[in-house]
PDB file of all heavy atoms in Angstrom:
ATOM      1  N   VAL A   1     -65.901  51.003  83.337  1.00  0.00           N
ATOM      2  CA  VAL A   1     -66.542  49.687  83.383  1.00  0.00           C
ATOM      3  C   VAL A   1     -67.929  49.742  82.751  1.00  0.00           C
ATOM      4  O   VAL A   1     -68.295  48.860  81.970  1.00  0.00           O
ATOM      5  CB  VAL A   1     -66.602  49.164  84.834  1.00  0.00           C
ATOM      6  CG1 VAL A   1     -67.463  47.908  84.922  1.00  0.00           C
ATOM      7  CG2 VAL A   1     -65.194  48.864  85.346  1.00  0.00           C
ATOM      8  N   ASN A   2     -68.696  50.780  83.043  1.00  0.00           N
ATOM      9  CA  ASN A   2     -70.042  50.885  82.465  1.00  0.00           C
ATOM     10  C   ASN A   2     -69.993  51.004  80.948  1.00  0.00           C
ATOM     11  O   ASN A   2     -70.770  50.353  80.238  1.00  0.00           O
ATOM     12  CB  ASN A   2     -70.802  52.066  83.075  1.00  0.00           C
ATOM     13  CG  ASN A   2     -71.249  51.794  84.487  1.00  0.00           C
ATOM     14  OD1 ASN A   2     -71.381  50.650  84.909  1.00  0.00           O
ATOM     15  ND2 ASN A   2     -71.477  52.852  85.246  1.00  0.00           N
ATOM     16  N   LEU A   3     -69.073  51.818  80.437  1.00  0.00           N
ATOM     17  CA  LEU A   3     -68.929  51.932  78.976  1.00  0.00           C
ATOM     18  C   LEU A   3     -68.505  50.598  78.357  1.00  0.00           C
ATOM     19  O   LEU A   3     -68.990  50.201  77.300  1.00  0.00           O
ATOM     20  CB  LEU A   3     -67.927  53.025  78.620  1.00  0.00           C
ATOM     21  CG  LEU A   3     -68.430  54.456  78.752  1.00  0.00           C
ATOM     22  CD1 LEU A   3     -67.274  55.446  78.559  1.00  0.00           C
ATOM     23  CD2 LEU A   3     -69.531  54.747  77.753  1.00  0.00           C
ATOM     24  N   PHE A   4     -67.574  49.904  79.030  1.00  0.00           N
ATOM     25  CA  PHE A   4     -67.125  48.602  78.547  1.00  0.00           C
ATOM     26  C   PHE A   4     -68.294  47.610  78.497  1.00  0.00           C
ATOM     27  O   PHE A   4     -68.470  46.902  77.506  1.00  0.00           O
ATOM     28  CB  PHE A   4     -65.996  48.054  79.422  1.00  0.00           C
ATOM     29  CG  PHE A   4     -65.714  46.600  79.168  1.00  0.00           C
ATOM     30  CD1 PHE A   4     -65.044  46.217  78.014  1.00  0.00           C
ATOM     31  CD2 PHE A   4     -66.133  45.630  80.055  1.00  0.00           C
ATOM     32  CE1 PHE A   4     -64.805  44.871  77.758  1.00  0.00           C
ATOM     33  CE2 PHE A   4     -65.891  44.294  79.814  1.00  0.00           C
ATOM     34  CZ  PHE A   4     -65.217  43.913  78.665  1.00  0.00           C
ATOM     35  N   LEU A   5     -69.082  47.556  79.571  1.00  0.00           N
ATOM     36  CA  LEU A   5     -70.218  46.625  79.615  1.00  0.00           C
ATOM     37  C   LEU A   5     -71.218  46.952  78.501  1.00  0.00           C
ATOM     38  O   LEU A   5     -71.730  46.041  77.842  1.00  0.00           O
ATOM     39  CB  LEU A   5     -70.895  46.674  80.985  1.00  0.00           C
ATOM     40  CG  LEU A   5     -70.076  46.144  82.156  1.00  0.00           C
ATOM     41  CD1 LEU A   5     -70.799  46.380  83.468  1.00  0.00           C
ATOM     42  CD2 LEU A   5     -69.736  44.675  81.977  1.00  0.00           C
ATOM     43  N   ASN A   6     -71.476  48.230  78.286  1.00  0.00           N
ATOM     44  CA  ASN A   6     -72.374  48.632  77.197  1.00  0.00           C
ATOM     45  C   ASN A   6     -71.812  48.237  75.833  1.00  0.00           C
ATOM     46  O   ASN A   6     -72.551  47.761  74.955  1.00  0.00           O
ATOM     47  CB  ASN A   6     -72.646  50.134  77.238  1.00  0.00           C
ATOM     48  CG  ASN A   6     -73.481  50.531  78.425  1.00  0.00           C
ATOM     49  OD1 ASN A   6     -74.197  49.727  79.017  1.00  0.00           O
ATOM     50  ND2 ASN A   6     -73.390  51.795  78.807  1.00  0.00           N
ATOM     51  N   LEU A   7     -70.520  48.417  75.660  1.00  0.00           N
ATOM     52  CA  LEU A   7     -69.853  48.040  74.406  1.00  0.00           C
ATOM     53  C   LEU A   7     -69.973  46.540  74.169  1.00  0.00           C
ATOM     54  O   LEU A   7     -70.275  46.104  73.059  1.00  0.00           O
ATOM     55  CB  LEU A   7     -68.383  48.464  74.439  1.00  0.00           C
ATOM     56  CG  LEU A   7     -67.524  48.022  73.265  1.00  0.00           C
ATOM     57  CD1 LEU A   7     -67.939  48.769  72.000  1.00  0.00           C
ATOM     58  CD2 LEU A   7     -66.059  48.275  73.558  1.00  0.00           C
ATOM     59  N   ARG A   8     -69.730  45.751  75.211  1.00  0.00           N
ATOM     60  CA  ARG A   8     -69.833  44.300  75.073  1.00  0.00           C
ATOM     61  C   ARG A   8     -71.246  43.864  74.721  1.00  0.00           C
ATOM     62  O   ARG A   8     -71.445  42.946  73.929  1.00  0.00           O
ATOM     63  CB  ARG A   8     -69.393  43.609  76.362  1.00  0.00           C
ATOM     64  CG  ARG A   8     -67.903  43.543  76.602  1.00  0.00           C
ATOM     65  CD  ARG A   8     -67.197  42.549  75.665  1.00  0.00           C
ATOM     66  NE  ARG A   8     -67.676  41.207  75.817  1.00  0.00           N
ATOM     67  CZ  ARG A   8     -67.144  40.291  76.614  1.00  0.00           C
ATOM     68  NH1 ARG A   8     -66.086  40.569  77.328  1.00  0.00           N
ATOM     69  NH2 ARG A   8     -67.659  39.082  76.692  1.00  0.00           N
ATOM     70  N   ARG A   9     -72.238  44.531  75.296  1.00  0.00           N
ATOM     71  CA  ARG A   9     -73.638  44.192  74.963  1.00  0.00           C
ATOM     72  C   ARG A   9     -73.924  44.482  73.496  1.00  0.00           C
ATOM     73  O   ARG A   9     -74.598  43.701  72.823  1.00  0.00           O
ATOM     74  CB  ARG A   9     -74.595  44.965  75.876  1.00  0.00           C
ATOM     75  CG  ARG A   9     -74.619  44.431  77.276  1.00  0.00           C
ATOM     76  CD  ARG A   9     -75.634  45.162  78.153  1.00  0.00           C
ATOM     77  NE  ARG A   9     -75.389  44.844  79.543  1.00  0.00           N
ATOM     78  CZ  ARG A   9     -74.898  45.682  80.441  1.00  0.00           C
ATOM     79  NH1 ARG A   9     -74.638  46.938  80.125  1.00  0.00           N
ATOM     80  NH2 ARG A   9     -74.679  45.294  81.677  1.00  0.00           N
ATOM     81  N   LYS A  10     -73.395  45.605  73.009  1.00  0.00           N
ATOM     82  CA  LYS A  10     -73.609  45.949  71.598  1.00  0.00           C
ATOM     83  C   LYS A  10     -72.912  44.960  70.678  1.00  0.00           C
ATOM     84  O   LYS A  10     -73.458  44.534  69.672  1.00  0.00           O
ATOM     85  CB  LYS A  10     -73.097  47.361  71.311  1.00  0.00           C
ATOM     86  CG  LYS A  10     -73.987  48.447  71.835  1.00  0.00           C
ATOM     87  CD  LYS A  10     -73.390  49.814  71.520  1.00  0.00           C
ATOM     88  CE  LYS A  10     -74.162  50.901  72.209  1.00  0.00           C
ATOM     89  NZ  LYS A  10     -73.526  52.224  72.036  1.00  0.00           N
ATOM     90  N   THR A  11     -71.654  44.611  71.003  1.00  0.00           N
ATOM     91  CA  THR A  11     -70.900  43.706  70.135  1.00  0.00           C
ATOM     92  C   THR A  11     -71.435  42.282  70.201  1.00  0.00           C
ATOM     93  O   THR A  11     -71.226  41.518  69.268  1.00  0.00           O
ATOM     94  CB  THR A  11     -69.394  43.715  70.465  1.00  0.00           C
ATOM     95  OG1 THR A  11     -69.194  43.382  71.815  1.00  0.00           O
ATOM     96  CG2 THR A  11     -68.772  45.055  70.149  1.00  0.00           C
ATOM     97  N   ALA A  12     -72.128  41.932  71.284  1.00  0.00           N
ATOM     98  CA  ALA A  12     -72.739  40.604  71.366  1.00  0.00           C
ATOM     99  C   ALA A  12     -73.841  40.478  70.310  1.00  0.00           C
ATOM    100  O   ALA A  12     -74.071  39.400  69.764  1.00  0.00           O
ATOM    101  CB  ALA A  12     -73.300  40.353  72.755  1.00  0.00           C
ATOM    102  N   ARG A  13     -74.497  41.601  70.031  1.00  0.00           N
ATOM    103  CA  ARG A  13     -75.549  41.593  69.004  1.00  0.00           C
ATOM    104  C   ARG A  13     -74.945  41.626  67.603  1.00  0.00           C
ATOM    105  O   ARG A  13     -75.556  41.166  66.645  1.00  0.00           O
ATOM    106  CB  ARG A  13     -76.481  42.789  69.208  1.00  0.00           C
ATOM    107  CG  ARG A  13     -77.342  42.650  70.448  1.00  0.00           C
ATOM    108  CD  ARG A  13     -78.386  43.745  70.507  1.00  0.00           C
ATOM    109  NE  ARG A  13     -77.816  45.079  70.629  1.00  0.00           N
ATOM    110  CZ  ARG A  13     -77.695  45.746  71.772  1.00  0.00           C
ATOM    111  NH1 ARG A  13     -78.096  45.203  72.902  1.00  0.00           N
ATOM    112  NH2 ARG A  13     -77.173  46.960  71.787  1.00  0.00           N
ATOM    113  N   HIS A  14     -73.747  42.188  67.468  1.00  0.00           N
ATOM    114  CA  HIS A  14     -73.069  42.297  66.177  1.00  0.00           C
ATOM    115  C   HIS A  14     -71.616  41.851  66.335  1.00  0.00           C
ATOM    116  O   HIS A  14     -70.716  42.673  66.443  1.00  0.00           O
ATOM    117  CB  HIS A  14     -73.098  43.749  65.675  1.00  0.00           C
ATOM    118  CG  HIS A  14     -74.463  44.338  65.630  1.00  0.00           C
ATOM    119  ND1 HIS A  14     -75.366  44.013  64.677  1.00  0.00           N
ATOM    120  CD2 HIS A  14     -75.083  45.209  66.466  1.00  0.00           C
ATOM    121  CE1 HIS A  14     -76.495  44.673  64.883  1.00  0.00           C
ATOM    122  NE2 HIS A  14     -76.349  45.399  65.974  1.00  0.00           N
ATOM    123  N   PRO A  15     -71.371  40.529  66.387  1.00  0.00           N
ATOM    124  CA  PRO A  15     -70.017  40.035  66.672  1.00  0.00           C
ATOM    125  C   PRO A  15     -69.009  40.425  65.595  1.00  0.00           C
ATOM    126  O   PRO A  15     -69.315  40.511  64.418  1.00  0.00           O
ATOM    127  CB  PRO A  15     -70.189  38.509  66.732  1.00  0.00           C
ATOM    128  CG  PRO A  15     -71.494  38.218  66.110  1.00  0.00           C
ATOM    129  CD  PRO A  15     -72.319  39.462  66.142  1.00  0.00           C
ATOM    130  N   ALA A  16     -67.771  40.658  66.054  1.00  0.00           N
ATOM    131  CA  ALA A  16     -66.665  40.994  65.157  1.00  0.00           C
ATOM    132  C   ALA A  16     -65.826  39.751  64.900  1.00  0.00           C
ATOM    133  O   ALA A  16     -65.886  38.778  65.643  1.00  0.00           O
ATOM    134  CB  ALA A  16     -65.794  42.061  65.798  1.00  0.00           C
ATOM    135  N   VAL A  17     -65.040  39.784  63.850  1.00  0.00           N
ATOM    136  CA  VAL A  17     -64.147  38.682  63.526  1.00  0.00           C
ATOM    137  C   VAL A  17     -62.825  38.917  64.245  1.00  0.00           C
ATOM    138  O   VAL A  17     -62.251  39.996  64.169  1.00  0.00           O
ATOM    139  CB  VAL A  17     -63.922  38.606  62.000  1.00  0.00           C
ATOM    140  CG1 VAL A  17     -62.933  37.520  61.649  1.00  0.00           C
ATOM    141  CG2 VAL A  17     -65.244  38.380  61.293  1.00  0.00           C
ATOM    142  N   SER A  18     -62.331  37.885  64.953  1.00  0.00           N
ATOM    143  CA  SER A  18     -61.097  38.009  65.712  1.00  0.00           C
ATOM    144  C   SER A  18     -59.875  37.846  64.818  1.00  0.00           C
ATOM    145  O   SER A  18     -59.813  36.925  64.000  1.00  0.00           O
ATOM    146  CB  SER A  18     -61.049  36.958  66.814  1.00  0.00           C
ATOM    147  OG  SER A  18     -59.781  36.942  67.421  1.00  0.00           O
ATOM    148  N   LEU A  19     -58.902  38.732  64.996  1.00  0.00           N
ATOM    149  CA  LEU A  19     -57.650  38.597  64.265  1.00  0.00           C
ATOM    150  C   LEU A  19     -56.769  37.508  64.859  1.00  0.00           C
ATOM    151  O   LEU A  19     -55.798  37.080  64.232  1.00  0.00           O
ATOM    152  CB  LEU A  19     -56.896  39.935  64.264  1.00  0.00           C
ATOM    153  CG  LEU A  19     -57.594  41.065  63.527  1.00  0.00           C
ATOM    154  CD1 LEU A  19     -56.784  42.357  63.671  1.00  0.00           C
ATOM    155  CD2 LEU A  19     -57.800  40.732  62.067  1.00  0.00           C
ATOM    156  N   ASP A  20     -57.093  37.042  66.079  1.00  0.00           N
ATOM    157  CA  ASP A  20     -56.341  35.965  66.713  1.00  0.00           C
ATOM    158  C   ASP A  20     -56.812  34.591  66.256  1.00  0.00           C
ATOM    159  O   ASP A  20     -56.166  33.587  66.532  1.00  0.00           O
ATOM    160  CB  ASP A  20     -56.450  36.057  68.236  1.00  0.00           C
ATOM    161  CG  ASP A  20     -55.759  37.286  68.791  1.00  0.00           C
ATOM    162  OD1 ASP A  20     -54.741  37.690  68.212  1.00  0.00           O
ATOM    163  OD2 ASP A  20     -56.247  37.833  69.788  1.00  0.00           O
ATOM    164  N   ALA A  21     -57.942  34.544  65.587  1.00  0.00           N
ATOM    165  CA  ALA A  21     -58.488  33.269  65.127  1.00  0.00           C
ATOM    166  C   ALA A  21     -57.590  32.696  64.030  1.00  0.00           C
ATOM    167  O   ALA A  21     -56.946  33.437  63.274  1.00  0.00           O
ATOM    168  CB  ALA A  21     -59.902  33.466  64.604  1.00  0.00           C
ATOM    169  N   PRO A  22     -57.541  31.364  63.924  1.00  0.00           N
ATOM    170  CA  PRO A  22     -56.733  30.753  62.869  1.00  0.00           C
ATOM    171  C   PRO A  22     -57.205  31.206  61.484  1.00  0.00           C
ATOM    172  O   PRO A  22     -58.385  31.467  61.265  1.00  0.00           O
ATOM    173  CB  PRO A  22     -56.971  29.259  63.048  1.00  0.00           C
ATOM    174  CG  PRO A  22     -57.511  29.106  64.421  1.00  0.00           C
ATOM    175  CD  PRO A  22     -58.201  30.387  64.764  1.00  0.00           C
ATOM    176  N   LEU A  23     -56.263  31.276  60.561  1.00  0.00           N
ATOM    177  CA  LEU A  23     -56.577  31.658  59.187  1.00  0.00           C
ATOM    178  C   LEU A  23     -56.907  30.423  58.375  1.00  0.00           C
ATOM    179  O   LEU A  23     -56.197  29.421  58.436  1.00  0.00           O
ATOM    180  CB  LEU A  23     -55.380  32.372  58.551  1.00  0.00           C
ATOM    181  CG  LEU A  23     -54.925  33.662  59.198  1.00  0.00           C
ATOM    182  CD1 LEU A  23     -53.599  34.112  58.583  1.00  0.00           C
ATOM    183  CD2 LEU A  23     -55.981  34.720  59.030  1.00  0.00           C
ATOM    184  N   ASP A  24     -57.971  30.478  57.599  1.00  0.00           N
ATOM    185  CA  ASP A  24     -58.341  29.368  56.725  1.00  0.00           C
ATOM    186  C   ASP A  24     -57.701  29.610  55.380  1.00  0.00           C
ATOM    187  O   ASP A  24     -58.003  30.591  54.699  1.00  0.00           O
ATOM    188  CB  ASP A  24     -59.863  29.275  56.608  1.00  0.00           C
ATOM    189  CG  ASP A  24     -60.305  28.049  55.827  1.00  0.00           C
ATOM    190  OD1 ASP A  24     -59.438  27.184  55.526  1.00  0.00           O
ATOM    191  OD2 ASP A  24     -61.500  27.947  55.515  1.00  0.00           O
ATOM    192  N   THR A  25     -56.782  28.726  54.991  1.00  0.00           N
ATOM    193  CA  THR A  25     -56.042  28.902  53.740  1.00  0.00           C
ATOM    194  C   THR A  25     -56.683  28.165  52.573  1.00  0.00           C
ATOM    195  O   THR A  25     -56.191  28.235  51.459  1.00  0.00           O
ATOM    196  CB  THR A  25     -54.599  28.399  53.893  1.00  0.00           C
ATOM    197  OG1 THR A  25     -54.629  26.996  54.148  1.00  0.00           O
ATOM    198  CG2 THR A  25     -53.870  29.140  54.975  1.00  0.00           C
ATOM    199  N   GLY A  26     -57.761  27.445  52.826  1.00  0.00           N
ATOM    200  CA  GLY A  26     -58.367  26.633  51.786  1.00  0.00           C
ATOM    201  C   GLY A  26     -57.838  25.207  51.845  1.00  0.00           C
ATOM    202  O   GLY A  26     -58.512  24.266  51.473  1.00  0.00           O
ATOM    203  N   GLU A  27     -56.618  25.055  52.336  1.00  0.00           N
ATOM    204  CA  GLU A  27     -56.014  23.731  52.496  1.00  0.00           C
ATOM    205  C   GLU A  27     -55.941  23.343  53.972  1.00  0.00           C
ATOM    206  O   GLU A  27     -55.349  22.347  54.327  1.00  0.00           O
ATOM    207  CB  GLU A  27     -54.607  23.725  51.902  1.00  0.00           C
ATOM    208  CG  GLU A  27     -54.580  23.992  50.417  1.00  0.00           C
ATOM    209  CD  GLU A  27     -53.166  24.108  49.887  1.00  0.00           C
ATOM    210  OE1 GLU A  27     -52.205  23.889  50.644  1.00  0.00           O
ATOM    211  OE2 GLU A  27     -53.027  24.423  48.703  1.00  0.00           O
ATOM    212  N   GLY A  28     -56.512  24.171  54.831  1.00  0.00           N
ATOM    213  CA  GLY A  28     -56.483  23.938  56.275  1.00  0.00           C
ATOM    214  C   GLY A  28     -56.314  25.252  57.009  1.00  0.00           C
ATOM    215  O   GLY A  28     -56.303  26.321  56.397  1.00  0.00           O
ATOM    216  N   GLU A  29     -56.190  25.145  58.314  1.00  0.00           N
ATOM    217  CA  GLU A  29     -56.036  26.350  59.126  1.00  0.00           C
ATOM    218  C   GLU A  29     -54.579  26.566  59.496  1.00  0.00           C
ATOM    219  O   GLU A  29     -53.837  25.612  59.714  1.00  0.00           O
ATOM    220  CB  GLU A  29     -56.868  26.234  60.400  1.00  0.00           C
ATOM    221  CG  GLU A  29     -58.349  26.307  60.147  1.00  0.00           C
ATOM    222  CD  GLU A  29     -59.154  26.309  61.432  1.00  0.00           C
ATOM    223  OE1 GLU A  29     -58.604  25.941  62.495  1.00  0.00           O
ATOM    224  OE2 GLU A  29     -60.332  26.671  61.376  1.00  0.00           O
ATOM    225  N   VAL A  30     -54.191  27.839  59.565  1.00  0.00           N
ATOM    226  CA  VAL A  30     -52.830  28.216  59.939  1.00  0.00           C
ATOM    227  C   VAL A  30     -52.933  29.177  61.122  1.00  0.00           C
ATOM    228  O   VAL A  30     -53.718  30.109  61.105  1.00  0.00           O
ATOM    229  CB  VAL A  30     -52.106  28.922  58.765  1.00  0.00           C
ATOM    230  CG1 VAL A  30     -50.727  29.381  59.169  1.00  0.00           C
ATOM    231  CG2 VAL A  30     -52.059  28.016  57.555  1.00  0.00           C
TER     232      VAL A  30
END
């Protein structure tokens, strides 16, 4: 849990792009 909390604090400063997010195709999101 402590390592996870530290990891989340670090990633909050440097957010990652989610692979679950919709894809932008240029003609809309998929």
